[in-house]
Amino acid sequence: MTLLAYAGAALAEIAGCFAVWSWLRLGRSPLWVLPGLASLALFACLLTLVDSPAAGRAFAAYGGVYVAASILWLWLVEGQRPDRWDLTGGAICLVGTAIILLGRRP
């Protein structure tokens, strides 16, 4: 469930931010902001589905997923092939996510 919540949250956050980016940087209509705001609200709701007693830990672990998903967005939506630095950075972030999520705690 955690992986699905993170994946959905990443898609919702990136789509919401891209809607604002499209309006302000790509000259799209200001109406792009409306679905963007809805998408960002969905992102916040999806993060509450993560089974964690601490919001900060859930958010920190999500950060690595967000970075990896952003690199996929770069490639699949924007048509920019990630370079080795993108992929290396994304892999490092995912290792950090795994450490946060899977680390043994008392």
C-alpha atoms as a PDB file:
ATOM      1  CA  MET A   1       0.000   0.000   0.000  1.00  0.00           C
ATOM      2  CA  THR A   2       2.851   2.396   0.818  1.00  0.00           C
ATOM      3  CA  LEU A   3       4.402   2.012  -2.629  1.00  0.00           C
ATOM      4  CA  LEU A   4       1.055   2.689  -4.327  1.00  0.00           C
ATOM      5  CA  ALA A   5       0.409   5.729  -2.138  1.00  0.00           C
ATOM      6  CA  TYR A   6       3.869   7.105  -2.926  1.00  0.00           C
ATOM      7  CA  ALA A   7       3.531   6.427  -6.648  1.00  0.00           C
ATOM      8  CA  GLY A   8       0.113   8.088  -6.789  1.00  0.00           C
ATOM      9  CA  ALA A   9       1.332  11.014  -4.700  1.00  0.00           C
ATOM     10  CA  ALA A  10       4.325  11.510  -6.981  1.00  0.00           C
ATOM     11  CA  LEU A  11       2.182  11.514 -10.099  1.00  0.00           C
ATOM     12  CA  ALA A  12      -0.312  13.922  -8.532  1.00  0.00           C
ATOM     13  CA  GLU A  13       2.371  16.292  -7.247  1.00  0.00           C
ATOM     14  CA  ILE A  14       4.342  16.373 -10.486  1.00  0.00           C
ATOM     15  CA  ALA A  15       1.186  16.854 -12.567  1.00  0.00           C
ATOM     16  CA  GLY A  16       0.032  19.678 -10.280  1.00  0.00           C
ATOM     17  CA  CYS A  17       3.372  21.432 -10.371  1.00  0.00           C
ATOM     18  CA  PHE A  18       3.652  20.922 -14.134  1.00  0.00           C
ATOM     19  CA  ALA A  19       0.247  22.593 -14.584  1.00  0.00           C
ATOM     20  CA  VAL A  20       1.537  25.716 -12.826  1.00  0.00           C
ATOM     21  CA  TRP A  21       4.823  25.470 -14.770  1.00  0.00           C
ATOM     22  CA  SER A  22       2.839  25.264 -18.006  1.00  0.00           C
ATOM     23  CA  TRP A  23       0.909  28.406 -17.133  1.00  0.00           C
ATOM     24  CA  LEU A  24       3.853  30.487 -15.935  1.00  0.00           C
ATOM     25  CA  ARG A  25       6.686  29.179 -18.119  1.00  0.00           C
ATOM     26  CA  LEU A  26       5.057  27.765 -21.230  1.00  0.00           C
ATOM     27  CA  GLY A  27       2.398  30.427 -21.759  1.00  0.00           C
ATOM     28  CA  ARG A  28      -0.602  28.149 -21.257  1.00  0.00           C
ATOM     29  CA  SER A  29      -3.940  29.457 -20.066  1.00  0.00           C
ATOM     30  CA  PRO A  30      -4.312  30.363 -16.366  1.00  0.00           C
ATOM     31  CA  LEU A  31      -7.090  27.751 -16.345  1.00  0.00           C
ATOM     32  CA  TRP A  32      -4.324  25.133 -16.134  1.00  0.00           C
ATOM     33  CA  VAL A  33      -3.983  26.125 -12.473  1.00  0.00           C
ATOM     34  CA  LEU A  34      -7.400  24.705 -11.526  1.00  0.00           C
ATOM     35  CA  PRO A  35      -6.652  21.039 -12.279  1.00  0.00           C
ATOM     36  CA  GLY A  36      -3.159  21.676 -10.940  1.00  0.00           C
ATOM     37  CA  LEU A  37      -4.542  22.711  -7.553  1.00  0.00           C
ATOM     38  CA  ALA A  38      -6.858  19.696  -7.490  1.00  0.00           C
ATOM     39  CA  SER A  39      -3.914  17.461  -8.293  1.00  0.00           C
ATOM     40  CA  LEU A  40      -1.835  18.988  -5.492  1.00  0.00           C
ATOM     41  CA  ALA A  41      -4.696  18.446  -3.030  1.00  0.00           C
ATOM     42  CA  LEU A  42      -4.880  14.810  -4.131  1.00  0.00           C
ATOM     43  CA  PHE A  43      -1.123  14.528  -3.576  1.00  0.00           C
ATOM     44  CA  ALA A  44      -1.490  15.680   0.035  1.00  0.00           C
ATOM     45  CA  CYS A  45      -4.359  13.270   0.661  1.00  0.00           C
ATOM     46  CA  LEU A  46      -2.455  10.326  -0.811  1.00  0.00           C
ATOM     47  CA  LEU A  47       0.482  10.900   1.525  1.00  0.00           C
ATOM     48  CA  THR A  48      -1.858  10.414   4.494  1.00  0.00           C
ATOM     49  CA  LEU A  49      -2.362   6.802   3.351  1.00  0.00           C
ATOM     50  CA  VAL A  50       1.250   5.918   4.167  1.00  0.00           C
ATOM     51  CA  ASP A  51       1.415   3.748   7.267  1.00  0.00           C
ATOM     52  CA  SER A  52       3.766   5.785   9.447  1.00  0.00           C
ATOM     53  CA  PRO A  53       3.428   7.116  12.982  1.00  0.00           C
ATOM     54  CA  ALA A  54       5.374  10.254  11.971  1.00  0.00           C
ATOM     55  CA  ALA A  55       4.504  12.537   9.068  1.00  0.00           C
ATOM     56  CA  GLY A  56       8.090  13.749   8.751  1.00  0.00           C
ATOM     57  CA  ARG A  57       9.390  10.224   8.180  1.00  0.00           C
ATOM     58  CA  ALA A  58       6.694   9.511   5.604  1.00  0.00           C
ATOM     59  CA  PHE A  59       7.504  12.778   3.819  1.00  0.00           C
ATOM     60  CA  ALA A  60      11.260  12.174   3.941  1.00  0.00           C
ATOM     61  CA  ALA A  61      10.932   8.701   2.433  1.00  0.00           C
ATOM     62  CA  TYR A  62       8.586  10.101  -0.214  1.00  0.00           C
ATOM     63  CA  GLY A  63      11.304  12.529  -1.329  1.00  0.00           C
ATOM     64  CA  GLY A  64      13.305   9.797  -3.047  1.00  0.00           C
ATOM     65  CA  VAL A  65      10.224   8.499  -4.828  1.00  0.00           C
ATOM     66  CA  TYR A  66       9.457  12.041  -5.992  1.00  0.00           C
ATOM     67  CA  VAL A  67      12.948  12.465  -7.454  1.00  0.00           C
ATOM     68  CA  ALA A  68      12.755   9.150  -9.325  1.00  0.00           C
ATOM     69  CA  ALA A  69       9.245   9.916 -10.593  1.00  0.00           C
ATOM     70  CA  SER A  70      10.374  13.358 -11.751  1.00  0.00           C
ATOM     71  CA  ILE A  71      13.127  11.760 -13.812  1.00  0.00           C
ATOM     72  CA  LEU A  72      10.532   9.449 -15.387  1.00  0.00           C
ATOM     73  CA  TRP A  73       8.315  12.487 -16.090  1.00  0.00           C
ATOM     74  CA  LEU A  74      11.289  14.213 -17.720  1.00  0.00           C
ATOM     75  CA  TRP A  75      11.658  11.252 -20.056  1.00  0.00           C
ATOM     76  CA  LEU A  76       8.060  10.153 -20.718  1.00  0.00           C
ATOM     77  CA  VAL A  77       6.191  13.470 -20.712  1.00  0.00           C
ATOM     78  CA  GLU A  78       8.802  16.031 -21.666  1.00  0.00           C
ATOM     79  CA  GLY A  79      10.703  13.803 -24.088  1.00  0.00           C
ATOM     80  CA  GLN A  80      14.100  14.509 -22.512  1.00  0.00           C
ATOM     81  CA  ARG A  81      16.213  11.396 -22.068  1.00  0.00           C
ATOM     82  CA  PRO A  82      17.743  11.284 -18.565  1.00  0.00           C
ATOM     83  CA  ASP A  83      21.526  11.322 -18.543  1.00  0.00           C
ATOM     84  CA  ARG A  84      23.800   9.307 -16.275  1.00  0.00           C
ATOM     85  CA  TRP A  85      23.782  12.057 -13.655  1.00  0.00           C
ATOM     86  CA  ASP A  86      19.984  12.073 -13.527  1.00  0.00           C
ATOM     87  CA  LEU A  87      19.932   8.292 -13.164  1.00  0.00           C
ATOM     88  CA  THR A  88      22.718   8.203 -10.587  1.00  0.00           C
ATOM     89  CA  GLY A  89      21.087  10.900  -8.482  1.00  0.00           C
ATOM     90  CA  GLY A  90      17.715   9.162  -8.698  1.00  0.00           C
ATOM     91  CA  ALA A  91      19.246   5.853  -7.635  1.00  0.00           C
ATOM     92  CA  ILE A  92      20.938   7.480  -4.645  1.00  0.00           C
ATOM     93  CA  CYS A  93      17.621   9.036  -3.610  1.00  0.00           C
ATOM     94  CA  LEU A  94      15.855   5.669  -3.845  1.00  0.00           C
ATOM     95  CA  VAL A  95      18.546   4.090  -1.664  1.00  0.00           C
ATOM     96  CA  GLY A  96      17.844   6.818   0.895  1.00  0.00           C
ATOM     97  CA  THR A  97      14.130   6.083   0.687  1.00  0.00           C
ATOM     98  CA  ALA A  98      14.775   2.379   1.281  1.00  0.00           C
ATOM     99  CA  ILE A  99      16.953   3.137   4.303  1.00  0.00           C
ATOM    100  CA  ILE A 100      14.249   5.331   5.815  1.00  0.00           C
ATOM    101  CA  LEU A 101      11.426   2.884   5.127  1.00  0.00           C
ATOM    102  CA  LEU A 102      13.202  -0.378   5.899  1.00  0.00           C
ATOM    103  CA  GLY A 103      15.551   0.661   8.682  1.00  0.00           C
ATOM    104  CA  ARG A 104      15.108  -1.260  11.936  1.00  0.00           C
ATOM    105  CA  ARG A 105      13.726   0.862  14.707  1.00  0.00           C
ATOM    106  CA  PRO A 106      13.244   0.021  18.376  1.00  0.00           C
END
